[in-house]
């Protein structure tokens, strides 16, 4: 008899949310596999509202995130490290970063301008 082997062994696979047994949406929420449950009739409105919030974030956030994901998928090289370092400096020097810091200290929503 062949026993499947993989990362972490059978005990981990049994409890892993992606490869273990399906336990239902409430269990997925409880263990952190999903962040929230939205009833189907409200899903479209919820999704658009969420995406409006994402779009309102500073543009540099999206650029940096894309570069990080690309570096991870391609295998991090010195060129990736230099690009990420440069993006970090650009982000910290940006008006949006300063606005985000001010907004946080003033306990208000930031008004990002993409600068």
C-alpha atoms as a PDB file:
ATOM      1  CA  UNK A   1       0.000   0.000   0.000  1.00  0.00           C
ATOM      2  CA  UNK A   2       1.326   3.450  -0.927  1.00  0.00           C
ATOM      3  CA  UNK A   3       0.839   6.318   1.498  1.00  0.00           C
ATOM      4  CA  UNK A   4       0.825   9.798  -0.038  1.00  0.00           C
ATOM      5  CA  UNK A   5       3.647  11.938   1.251  1.00  0.00           C
ATOM      6  CA  UNK A   6       4.016  15.657   0.973  1.00  0.00           C
ATOM      7  CA  UNK A   7       4.992  18.799   2.868  1.00  0.00           C
ATOM      8  CA  UNK A   8       4.243  18.463   6.549  1.00  0.00           C
ATOM      9  CA  UNK A   9       3.058  14.869   6.420  1.00  0.00           C
ATOM     10  CA  UNK A  10      -0.446  13.432   6.823  1.00  0.00           C
ATOM     11  CA  UNK A  11      -1.266  15.354  10.009  1.00  0.00           C
ATOM     12  CA  UNK A  12      -0.701  18.715   8.358  1.00  0.00           C
ATOM     13  CA  UNK A  13      -2.542  17.752   5.173  1.00  0.00           C
ATOM     14  CA  UNK A  14      -5.518  16.653   7.252  1.00  0.00           C
ATOM     15  CA  UNK A  15      -5.843  20.152   8.708  1.00  0.00           C
ATOM     16  CA  UNK A  16      -4.703  22.184   5.699  1.00  0.00           C
ATOM     17  CA  UNK A  17      -7.527  24.319   4.279  1.00  0.00           C
ATOM     18  CA  UNK A  18      -6.558  23.754   0.640  1.00  0.00           C
ATOM     19  CA  UNK A  19      -5.721  20.053   0.672  1.00  0.00           C
ATOM     20  CA  UNK A  20      -7.453  18.741   3.775  1.00  0.00           C
ATOM     21  CA  UNK A  21     -11.087  17.682   3.964  1.00  0.00           C
ATOM     22  CA  UNK A  22     -13.728  20.307   3.153  1.00  0.00           C
ATOM     23  CA  UNK A  23     -15.364  21.493   6.345  1.00  0.00           C
ATOM     24  CA  UNK A  24     -17.804  24.145   5.118  1.00  0.00           C
ATOM     25  CA  UNK A  25     -17.885  27.910   5.014  1.00  0.00           C
ATOM     26  CA  UNK A  26     -18.269  28.546   8.740  1.00  0.00           C
ATOM     27  CA  UNK A  27     -15.175  26.432   9.462  1.00  0.00           C
ATOM     28  CA  UNK A  28     -13.259  28.182   6.663  1.00  0.00           C
ATOM     29  CA  UNK A  29     -14.132  31.521   8.254  1.00  0.00           C
ATOM     30  CA  UNK A  30     -13.214  30.325  11.737  1.00  0.00           C
ATOM     31  CA  UNK A  31      -9.763  29.045  10.744  1.00  0.00           C
ATOM     32  CA  UNK A  32      -8.972  32.089   8.595  1.00  0.00           C
ATOM     33  CA  UNK A  33      -9.122  30.578   5.115  1.00  0.00           C
ATOM     34  CA  UNK A  34     -11.606  33.293   4.189  1.00  0.00           C
ATOM     35  CA  UNK A  35     -12.112  36.720   5.735  1.00  0.00           C
ATOM     36  CA  UNK A  36     -15.874  37.018   5.586  1.00  0.00           C
ATOM     37  CA  UNK A  37     -19.054  35.425   4.353  1.00  0.00           C
ATOM     38  CA  UNK A  38     -21.315  37.482   2.112  1.00  0.00           C
ATOM     39  CA  UNK A  39     -24.824  36.286   1.218  1.00  0.00           C
ATOM     40  CA  UNK A  40     -25.151  35.720  -2.562  1.00  0.00           C
ATOM     41  CA  UNK A  41     -27.719  38.526  -3.095  1.00  0.00           C
ATOM     42  CA  UNK A  42     -25.287  41.046  -1.549  1.00  0.00           C
ATOM     43  CA  UNK A  43     -22.079  39.733  -3.144  1.00  0.00           C
ATOM     44  CA  UNK A  44     -21.994  41.983  -6.225  1.00  0.00           C
ATOM     45  CA  UNK A  45     -22.597  45.197  -4.254  1.00  0.00           C
ATOM     46  CA  UNK A  46     -20.063  44.131  -1.618  1.00  0.00           C
ATOM     47  CA  UNK A  47     -17.451  43.357  -4.292  1.00  0.00           C
ATOM     48  CA  UNK A  48     -17.848  46.727  -6.032  1.00  0.00           C
ATOM     49  CA  UNK A  49     -17.676  48.559  -2.696  1.00  0.00           C
ATOM     50  CA  UNK A  50     -14.509  46.664  -1.765  1.00  0.00           C
ATOM     51  CA  UNK A  51     -12.896  47.393  -5.141  1.00  0.00           C
ATOM     52  CA  UNK A  52     -13.675  51.114  -4.781  1.00  0.00           C
ATOM     53  CA  UNK A  53     -11.711  51.061  -1.525  1.00  0.00           C
ATOM     54  CA  UNK A  54      -8.812  49.260  -3.190  1.00  0.00           C
ATOM     55  CA  UNK A  55      -8.819  51.759  -6.065  1.00  0.00           C
ATOM     56  CA  UNK A  56      -8.738  54.662  -3.599  1.00  0.00           C
ATOM     57  CA  UNK A  57      -5.395  53.508  -2.189  1.00  0.00           C
ATOM     58  CA  UNK A  58      -2.144  55.145  -3.211  1.00  0.00           C
ATOM     59  CA  UNK A  59      -0.978  54.199  -6.718  1.00  0.00           C
ATOM     60  CA  UNK A  60       2.497  53.306  -5.417  1.00  0.00           C
ATOM     61  CA  UNK A  61       0.949  50.547  -3.320  1.00  0.00           C
ATOM     62  CA  UNK A  62      -0.252  48.721  -6.417  1.00  0.00           C
ATOM     63  CA  UNK A  63       3.050  49.201  -8.235  1.00  0.00           C
ATOM     64  CA  UNK A  64       5.065  47.864  -5.311  1.00  0.00           C
ATOM     65  CA  UNK A  65       2.760  44.914  -4.773  1.00  0.00           C
ATOM     66  CA  UNK A  66       2.926  43.935  -8.452  1.00  0.00           C
ATOM     67  CA  UNK A  67       6.730  44.127  -8.385  1.00  0.00           C
ATOM     68  CA  UNK A  68       6.904  41.945  -5.259  1.00  0.00           C
ATOM     69  CA  UNK A  69       4.614  39.296  -6.716  1.00  0.00           C
ATOM     70  CA  UNK A  70       6.546  39.299  -9.992  1.00  0.00           C
ATOM     71  CA  UNK A  71       9.860  38.883  -8.134  1.00  0.00           C
ATOM     72  CA  UNK A  72       8.484  35.961  -6.123  1.00  0.00           C
ATOM     73  CA  UNK A  73       7.145  34.148  -9.180  1.00  0.00           C
ATOM     74  CA  UNK A  74      10.285  34.741 -11.245  1.00  0.00           C
ATOM     75  CA  UNK A  75      12.687  33.929  -8.424  1.00  0.00           C
ATOM     76  CA  UNK A  76      14.213  36.876  -6.596  1.00  0.00           C
ATOM     77  CA  UNK A  77      17.361  38.153  -8.292  1.00  0.00           C
ATOM     78  CA  UNK A  78      19.676  41.074  -7.598  1.00  0.00           C
ATOM     79  CA  UNK A  79      17.799  43.029 -10.290  1.00  0.00           C
ATOM     80  CA  UNK A  80      14.515  42.404  -8.442  1.00  0.00           C
ATOM     81  CA  UNK A  81      16.098  43.487  -5.160  1.00  0.00           C
ATOM     82  CA  UNK A  82      17.350  46.719  -6.718  1.00  0.00           C
ATOM     83  CA  UNK A  83      13.952  47.414  -8.301  1.00  0.00           C
ATOM     84  CA  UNK A  84      12.150  46.812  -4.990  1.00  0.00           C
ATOM     85  CA  UNK A  85      14.650  49.000  -3.119  1.00  0.00           C
ATOM     86  CA  UNK A  86      14.138  51.789  -5.646  1.00  0.00           C
ATOM     87  CA  UNK A  87      10.350  51.463  -5.438  1.00  0.00           C
ATOM     88  CA  UNK A  88      10.580  51.638  -1.648  1.00  0.00           C
ATOM     89  CA  UNK A  89      12.591  54.854  -1.767  1.00  0.00           C
ATOM     90  CA  UNK A  90      10.204  56.339  -4.329  1.00  0.00           C
ATOM     91  CA  UNK A  91       7.240  55.403  -2.142  1.00  0.00           C
ATOM     92  CA  UNK A  92       8.721  56.900   1.043  1.00  0.00           C
ATOM     93  CA  UNK A  93       9.575  60.112  -0.830  1.00  0.00           C
ATOM     94  CA  UNK A  94       6.096  60.452  -2.361  1.00  0.00           C
ATOM     95  CA  UNK A  95       3.446  63.000  -1.443  1.00  0.00           C
ATOM     96  CA  UNK A  96       0.971  60.130  -1.001  1.00  0.00           C
ATOM     97  CA  UNK A  97       3.187  58.559   1.682  1.00  0.00           C
ATOM     98  CA  UNK A  98       3.366  61.877   3.525  1.00  0.00           C
ATOM     99  CA  UNK A  99      -0.403  62.290   3.183  1.00  0.00           C
ATOM    100  CA  UNK A 100      -0.975  58.765   4.497  1.00  0.00           C
ATOM    101  CA  UNK A 101       1.183  59.491   7.536  1.00  0.00           C
ATOM    102  CA  UNK A 102      -0.577  62.819   8.182  1.00  0.00           C
ATOM    103  CA  UNK A 103      -3.995  61.215   7.812  1.00  0.00           C
ATOM    104  CA  UNK A 104      -3.063  58.437  10.231  1.00  0.00           C
ATOM    105  CA  UNK A 105      -1.818  60.909  12.851  1.00  0.00           C
ATOM    106  CA  UNK A 106      -4.895  63.094  12.372  1.00  0.00           C
ATOM    107  CA  UNK A 107      -7.167  60.020  12.526  1.00  0.00           C
ATOM    108  CA  UNK A 108      -8.829  60.714   9.179  1.00  0.00           C
ATOM    109  CA  UNK A 109      -9.111  59.000   5.796  1.00  0.00           C
ATOM    110  CA  UNK A 110      -6.201  59.801   3.470  1.00  0.00           C
ATOM    111  CA  UNK A 111      -6.723  61.782   0.269  1.00  0.00           C
ATOM    112  CA  UNK A 112      -4.234  60.198  -2.139  1.00  0.00           C
ATOM    113  CA  UNK A 113      -3.420  62.077  -5.327  1.00  0.00           C
ATOM    114  CA  UNK A 114      -1.115  59.601  -7.082  1.00  0.00           C
ATOM    115  CA  UNK A 115       1.964  61.765  -6.467  1.00  0.00           C
END
